[in-house]
Protein backbone atom coordinates (compact mmCIF):
# COMPACT_ATOMS: atom_id res chain seq x y z
CA MET A 1 106.31 237.65 16.10
CA LYS A 2 110.20 237.41 15.70
CA THR A 3 111.97 239.88 13.51
CA VAL A 4 114.42 238.91 10.69
CA ALA A 5 117.28 239.91 12.94
CA GLU A 6 116.47 237.08 15.43
CA ILE A 7 116.59 234.28 12.82
CA MET A 8 118.90 235.53 10.17
CA THR A 9 122.56 234.26 9.49
CA THR A 10 124.92 237.08 10.19
CA ALA A 11 128.12 237.80 8.24
CA PRO A 12 127.00 235.59 5.34
CA ILE A 13 129.42 233.93 3.02
CA VAL A 14 129.57 235.89 -0.33
CA VAL A 15 131.24 235.74 -3.69
CA GLU A 16 132.78 238.83 -5.35
CA VAL A 17 132.37 240.56 -8.66
CA PRO A 18 134.49 240.91 -10.74
CA GLY A 19 134.46 237.02 -10.66
CA SER A 20 133.71 233.88 -12.52
CA ARG A 21 131.32 230.98 -12.56
CA SER A 22 134.25 228.84 -11.12
CA ASP A 23 134.55 231.19 -8.12
CA ALA A 24 130.89 230.64 -7.16
CA ILE A 25 131.00 226.93 -7.75
CA ASN A 26 134.07 226.47 -5.50
CA ILE A 27 132.64 228.44 -2.69
CA MET A 28 129.28 226.58 -2.90
CA VAL A 29 131.02 223.18 -2.86
CA ARG A 30 133.44 224.14 0.03
CA LYS A 31 130.76 225.65 2.15
CA LYS A 32 127.95 223.27 1.25
CA LEU A 33 125.62 226.07 -0.05
CA THR A 34 123.12 226.33 -2.90
CA GLY A 35 123.42 229.93 -3.42
CA LEU A 36 125.36 233.07 -2.37
CA PRO A 37 124.97 236.93 -2.29
CA VAL A 38 127.18 238.67 -4.83
CA VAL A 39 129.11 241.76 -3.59
CA ARG A 40 131.24 244.32 -5.43
CA ALA A 41 134.97 243.69 -4.56
CA SER A 42 135.75 247.20 -4.19
CA ASP A 43 133.31 248.25 -1.44
CA GLY A 44 131.32 245.05 -0.61
CA LYS A 45 128.01 246.56 -1.97
CA LEU A 46 125.28 243.94 -2.67
CA MET A 47 125.07 243.40 -6.51
CA GLY A 48 122.90 240.40 -6.73
CA ILE A 49 122.36 236.74 -5.94
CA VAL A 50 123.70 233.57 -7.68
CA SER A 51 122.36 230.10 -7.07
CA ARG A 52 123.32 226.74 -8.53
CA ARG A 53 120.33 226.78 -10.73
CA ASP A 54 121.36 230.15 -12.20
CA ILE A 55 124.78 228.85 -13.03
CA PHE A 56 123.33 225.81 -14.85
CA ARG A 57 120.78 227.86 -16.62
CA LYS A 58 123.68 229.87 -18.14
CA PHE A 59 126.35 227.08 -18.10
CA ASP A 60 128.14 228.45 -21.22
CA GLU A 61 128.56 231.79 -19.46
CA ASP A 62 131.72 232.31 -17.37
CA GLN A 63 131.27 235.94 -16.04
CA LEU A 64 129.50 235.93 -12.75
CA SER A 65 128.04 239.39 -13.50
CA LEU A 66 126.15 237.75 -16.35
CA ILE A 67 125.02 234.76 -14.41
CA MET A 68 123.75 236.28 -11.24
CA LYS A 69 120.26 237.76 -10.58
CA LYS A 70 120.40 241.48 -10.29
CA ASP A 71 118.05 243.78 -8.37
CA CYS A 72 117.36 240.96 -5.85
CA ILE A 73 114.80 241.32 -3.20
CA THR A 74 115.99 242.23 0.24
CA VAL A 75 114.71 242.57 3.70
CA THR A 76 115.92 244.69 6.79
CA PRO A 77 116.59 243.40 10.32
CA GLU A 78 113.46 244.99 11.55
CA ASP A 79 111.05 243.28 9.19
CA SER A 80 108.98 240.53 10.69
CA VAL A 81 109.47 236.90 10.06
CA ILE A 82 105.91 236.87 8.43
CA ASP A 83 107.02 239.55 6.05
CA ALA A 84 109.99 237.30 4.91
CA ALA A 85 107.61 234.23 4.77
CA LYS A 86 105.30 236.10 2.38
CA ILE A 87 108.11 237.01 0.01
CA PHE A 88 109.50 233.35 0.03
CA ALA A 89 106.03 231.96 -0.58
CA SER A 90 104.96 234.40 -3.31
CA ARG A 91 108.21 234.66 -5.23
CA ARG A 92 109.32 231.12 -4.64
CA ILE A 93 112.95 232.24 -3.93
CA HIS A 94 115.31 230.66 -1.44
CA ARG A 95 117.46 233.33 -0.01
CA LEU A 96 116.80 236.92 1.09
CA PRO A 97 119.77 239.30 1.70
CA VAL A 98 119.38 241.40 4.88
CA ILE A 99 120.42 245.10 4.42
CA ALA A 100 121.09 247.78 7.06
CA ASN A 101 122.54 251.12 6.58
CA GLY A 102 123.24 250.23 2.95
CA GLY A 103 125.30 247.21 3.78
CA LEU A 104 124.87 243.44 3.77
CA VAL A 105 124.38 242.27 7.30
CA GLY A 106 122.87 238.85 6.99
CA ILE A 107 120.83 236.25 5.01
CA VAL A 108 117.51 234.42 5.66
CA THR A 109 116.53 231.21 4.04
CA PRO A 110 113.21 229.20 4.17
CA THR A 111 115.02 226.78 6.55
CA ASP A 112 115.34 229.59 9.03
CA ILE A 113 111.59 230.11 8.98
CA LEU A 114 110.76 226.32 8.83
CA LYS A 115 112.36 226.11 12.42
CA GLU A 116 109.91 228.56 13.72
CA ILE A 117 106.97 226.59 12.03
CA ALA A 118 108.21 223.37 13.48
CA GLY A 119 107.43 224.44 16.96
CA MET A 120 104.09 225.96 16.24
CA LYS A 121 100.57 224.46 15.84
CA THR A 122 98.61 225.03 12.72
CA THR A 123 95.37 223.70 11.23
CA MET A 124 96.88 223.90 7.72
CA THR A 125 97.92 220.48 6.16
CA ALA A 126 100.22 219.49 3.42
CA GLU A 127 97.28 219.29 0.82
CA ASP A 128 96.34 222.92 1.53
CA VAL A 129 99.63 224.31 0.12
CA ILE A 130 100.43 222.06 -2.85
CA ARG A 131 100.72 224.77 -5.36
CA THR A 132 102.84 223.19 -8.35
CA THR A 133 102.04 220.64 -10.90
CA CYS A 134 103.70 217.46 -9.98
CA VAL A 135 106.01 216.20 -12.61
CA THR A 136 106.78 212.41 -12.32
CA ALA A 137 109.16 210.09 -13.68
CA TYR A 138 109.25 206.33 -14.53
CA GLU A 139 112.17 204.42 -12.87
CA GLY A 140 113.11 202.72 -16.10
CA GLU A 141 113.25 205.75 -18.40
CA PRO A 142 116.52 207.24 -19.66
CA LEU A 143 118.15 209.61 -17.14
CA ALA A 144 118.78 212.05 -19.92
CA TYR A 145 115.23 212.33 -20.86
CA THR A 146 114.09 212.85 -17.21
CA VAL A 147 116.81 215.73 -16.78
CA ALA A 148 115.63 217.42 -19.77
CA ALA A 149 111.98 217.21 -18.64
CA MET A 150 112.96 218.60 -15.19
CA ARG A 151 114.76 221.39 -16.84
CA ILE A 152 111.79 222.31 -19.23
CA SER A 153 109.39 222.15 -16.20
CA ASP A 154 111.84 224.05 -13.89
CA VAL A 155 111.43 221.55 -11.04
CA SER A 156 114.28 220.54 -8.79
CA ALA A 157 112.81 217.08 -7.81
CA VAL A 158 110.51 214.39 -9.23
CA PRO A 159 108.77 211.47 -7.56
CA VAL A 160 109.74 208.31 -9.27
CA LEU A 161 106.97 205.56 -10.03
CA ASP A 162 107.17 202.02 -11.16
CA LYS A 163 105.05 200.37 -13.77
CA LYS A 164 102.05 200.12 -11.44
CA GLY A 165 102.25 203.91 -10.59
CA LYS A 166 103.62 203.20 -7.04
CA LEU A 167 106.08 205.58 -5.64
CA VAL A 168 109.49 203.89 -5.36
CA GLY A 169 111.90 206.75 -5.34
CA ILE A 170 112.62 210.37 -5.71
CA LEU A 171 115.18 212.19 -8.06
CA THR A 172 116.61 215.50 -6.99
CA ASP A 173 119.07 217.87 -8.57
CA ARG A 174 121.54 216.90 -5.84
CA ASP A 175 121.42 213.16 -6.61
CA LEU A 176 122.90 213.88 -10.11
CA PHE A 177 126.22 214.92 -8.61
CA SER A 178 127.37 211.83 -6.81
CA ASP A 179 128.64 209.63 -9.50
CA GLN A 180 130.01 212.38 -11.67
CA THR A 181 132.55 213.75 -9.06
CA ALA A 182 134.71 210.57 -9.66
CA ASP A 183 135.21 211.93 -13.20
CA ALA A 184 138.07 214.49 -13.35
CA GLU A 185 136.81 215.86 -16.58
CA ALA A 186 133.35 216.35 -15.25
CA MET A 187 134.77 218.17 -12.20
CA GLN A 188 136.72 220.47 -14.53
CA ARG A 189 133.52 221.36 -16.41
CA LEU A 190 132.08 222.40 -13.14
CA GLY A 191 135.06 224.57 -12.42
CA ILE A 192 136.18 222.56 -9.28
CA GLU A 193 139.93 222.34 -9.35
CA ASP A 194 140.52 220.75 -5.90
CA SER A 195 140.06 217.00 -6.25
CA GLU A 196 139.37 216.79 -2.53
CA LEU A 197 136.23 218.56 -3.08
CA ALA A 198 134.74 215.47 -4.90
CA GLY A 199 133.96 214.06 -1.54
CA TYR A 200 131.30 216.60 -1.06
CA ARG A 201 128.36 214.30 -2.26
CA ASN A 202 125.03 215.95 -2.89
CA VAL A 203 126.13 219.47 -2.58
CA LEU A 204 126.43 220.78 -6.17
CA PRO A 205 124.41 219.06 -8.91
CA LEU A 206 125.16 218.53 -12.64
CA PHE A 207 121.46 219.08 -13.08
CA TYR A 208 121.59 222.14 -15.30
CA ALA A 209 125.08 221.22 -16.75
CA ALA A 210 125.39 219.57 -20.08
CA THR A 211 124.08 216.36 -18.55
CA ASP A 212 122.20 215.11 -21.60
CA LYS A 213 125.46 215.31 -23.55
CA TYR A 214 127.31 213.18 -21.16
CA ILE A 215 124.96 210.75 -19.57
CA PRO A 216 125.23 207.34 -21.21
CA ASP A 217 122.09 206.15 -23.05
CA SER A 218 121.94 203.09 -20.85
CA THR A 219 121.74 205.20 -17.61
CA THR A 220 118.25 205.10 -16.17
CA VAL A 221 116.42 207.10 -13.45
CA ARG A 222 116.68 204.05 -11.20
CA ASP A 223 120.51 204.35 -11.22
CA TYR A 224 120.37 207.78 -9.57
CA MET A 225 117.12 207.99 -7.65
CA VAL A 226 116.80 207.71 -3.81
CA LYS A 227 114.94 204.60 -3.10
CA ASP A 228 111.97 204.49 -0.66
CA PRO A 229 111.90 208.29 -0.11
CA GLN A 230 110.59 210.11 3.07
CA THR A 231 106.97 211.19 2.44
CA VAL A 232 104.17 212.90 4.15
CA PHE A 233 100.29 212.40 3.97
CA LYS A 234 98.07 215.03 2.59
CA LYS A 235 96.59 215.54 6.05
CA THR A 236 99.92 215.90 7.76
CA PRO A 237 99.96 219.25 9.69
CA LEU A 238 102.34 221.87 8.25
CA ASN A 239 104.38 222.09 11.50
CA ASP A 240 105.10 218.35 11.17
CA VAL A 241 106.02 218.76 7.51
CA ALA A 242 108.50 221.50 8.56
CA LEU A 243 110.03 219.15 11.14
CA VAL A 244 110.56 216.40 8.68
CA MET A 245 112.17 218.81 6.28
CA ILE A 246 114.55 220.23 8.93
CA GLN A 247 115.47 216.82 10.38
CA ASN A 248 116.35 215.47 6.89
CA ASP A 249 117.61 218.54 5.11
CA PHE A 250 114.98 218.28 2.51
CA GLY A 251 113.54 221.05 0.36
CA GLN A 252 110.60 218.99 -0.82
CA LEU A 253 108.57 216.05 0.06
CA PRO A 254 106.21 213.72 -1.81
CA VAL A 255 102.72 213.80 -0.66
CA HIS A 256 100.44 210.73 -0.29
CA GLY A 257 96.66 210.49 -0.40
CA THR A 258 94.38 208.26 1.72
CA LYS A 259 94.97 205.24 -0.47
CA ASP A 260 98.68 205.66 -0.50
CA GLU A 261 98.54 207.27 -3.88
CA ILE A 262 100.91 210.15 -4.73
CA VAL A 263 99.01 213.38 -4.92
CA GLY A 264 101.84 215.95 -5.34
CA MET A 265 104.93 217.53 -3.95
CA VAL A 266 105.17 220.05 -1.16
CA TYR A 267 108.18 222.34 -1.08
CA ASP A 268 109.69 224.34 1.75
CA VAL A 269 108.38 227.69 0.36
CA ASP A 270 104.90 226.30 0.41
CA VAL A 271 105.14 225.19 4.11
CA LEU A 272 105.79 228.89 4.93
CA CYS A 273 102.16 229.46 4.31
CA ALA A 274 101.59 228.18 7.92
CA LEU A 275 102.78 231.54 8.99
CA THR A 276 101.06 233.66 6.38
CA GLY A 277 97.76 231.80 6.83
CA ASN A 278 97.15 232.16 3.10
CA ASN A 279 98.15 229.66 0.30
CA ASN A 280 97.63 232.17 -2.33
CA VAL A 281 100.12 234.91 -1.07
């Protein structure tokens, strides 16, 4: 089995402390990232991890040191890919800093491991690794209501159903950014000062920002959802699920049953169980 050194991204992009929320947001948008290691400016020592969800959970906080996750889990270059997969699957996190000789030398994400799974054969299927309650939305309900429900449930995506319970779309945190970027005031609230960055659609969401304060009452889920989303069936092998995620840059996929009914959502960290061989890691 490969080691972390063989799949990690070397010389990862970082944000420094002391620093602000805007510093992290601007780097994420420019580099099309969803999270960053946080290092101390004076010596480059790893101090924590910050993700877009961390930022929007504490959107009224400006100091990066108060937003980031401290004491983050790390791995070494010599650790096995299976070791990393177990951490991702059990802790449901999306980035692991790689430390050697006390310094940050790389970073690993679930996508790095999905690439390994896509090329293997496994008897495990999508239904074997569904591990979270599936929160759904109705296409005609107010978007502000759905955003609040997603925040409370701590999910980044919801399948969208019509009146008959048929899957007609998916709403993810990324989809909430597209329309807002045309609004200069909304961009300023995000800390994005360069107007050219507004072209980066689906990079940084307004999901955890004060969306319920600024979304018009007339705006519905239908206005923001992705229609006719890519799906997999409950018997789809995990290596095929991994391939679909990689090809489409998806972190989650709706799962259909034998009668085309929606049975849940499978996430990238769940698919990693193809390596661990245990969906209860």
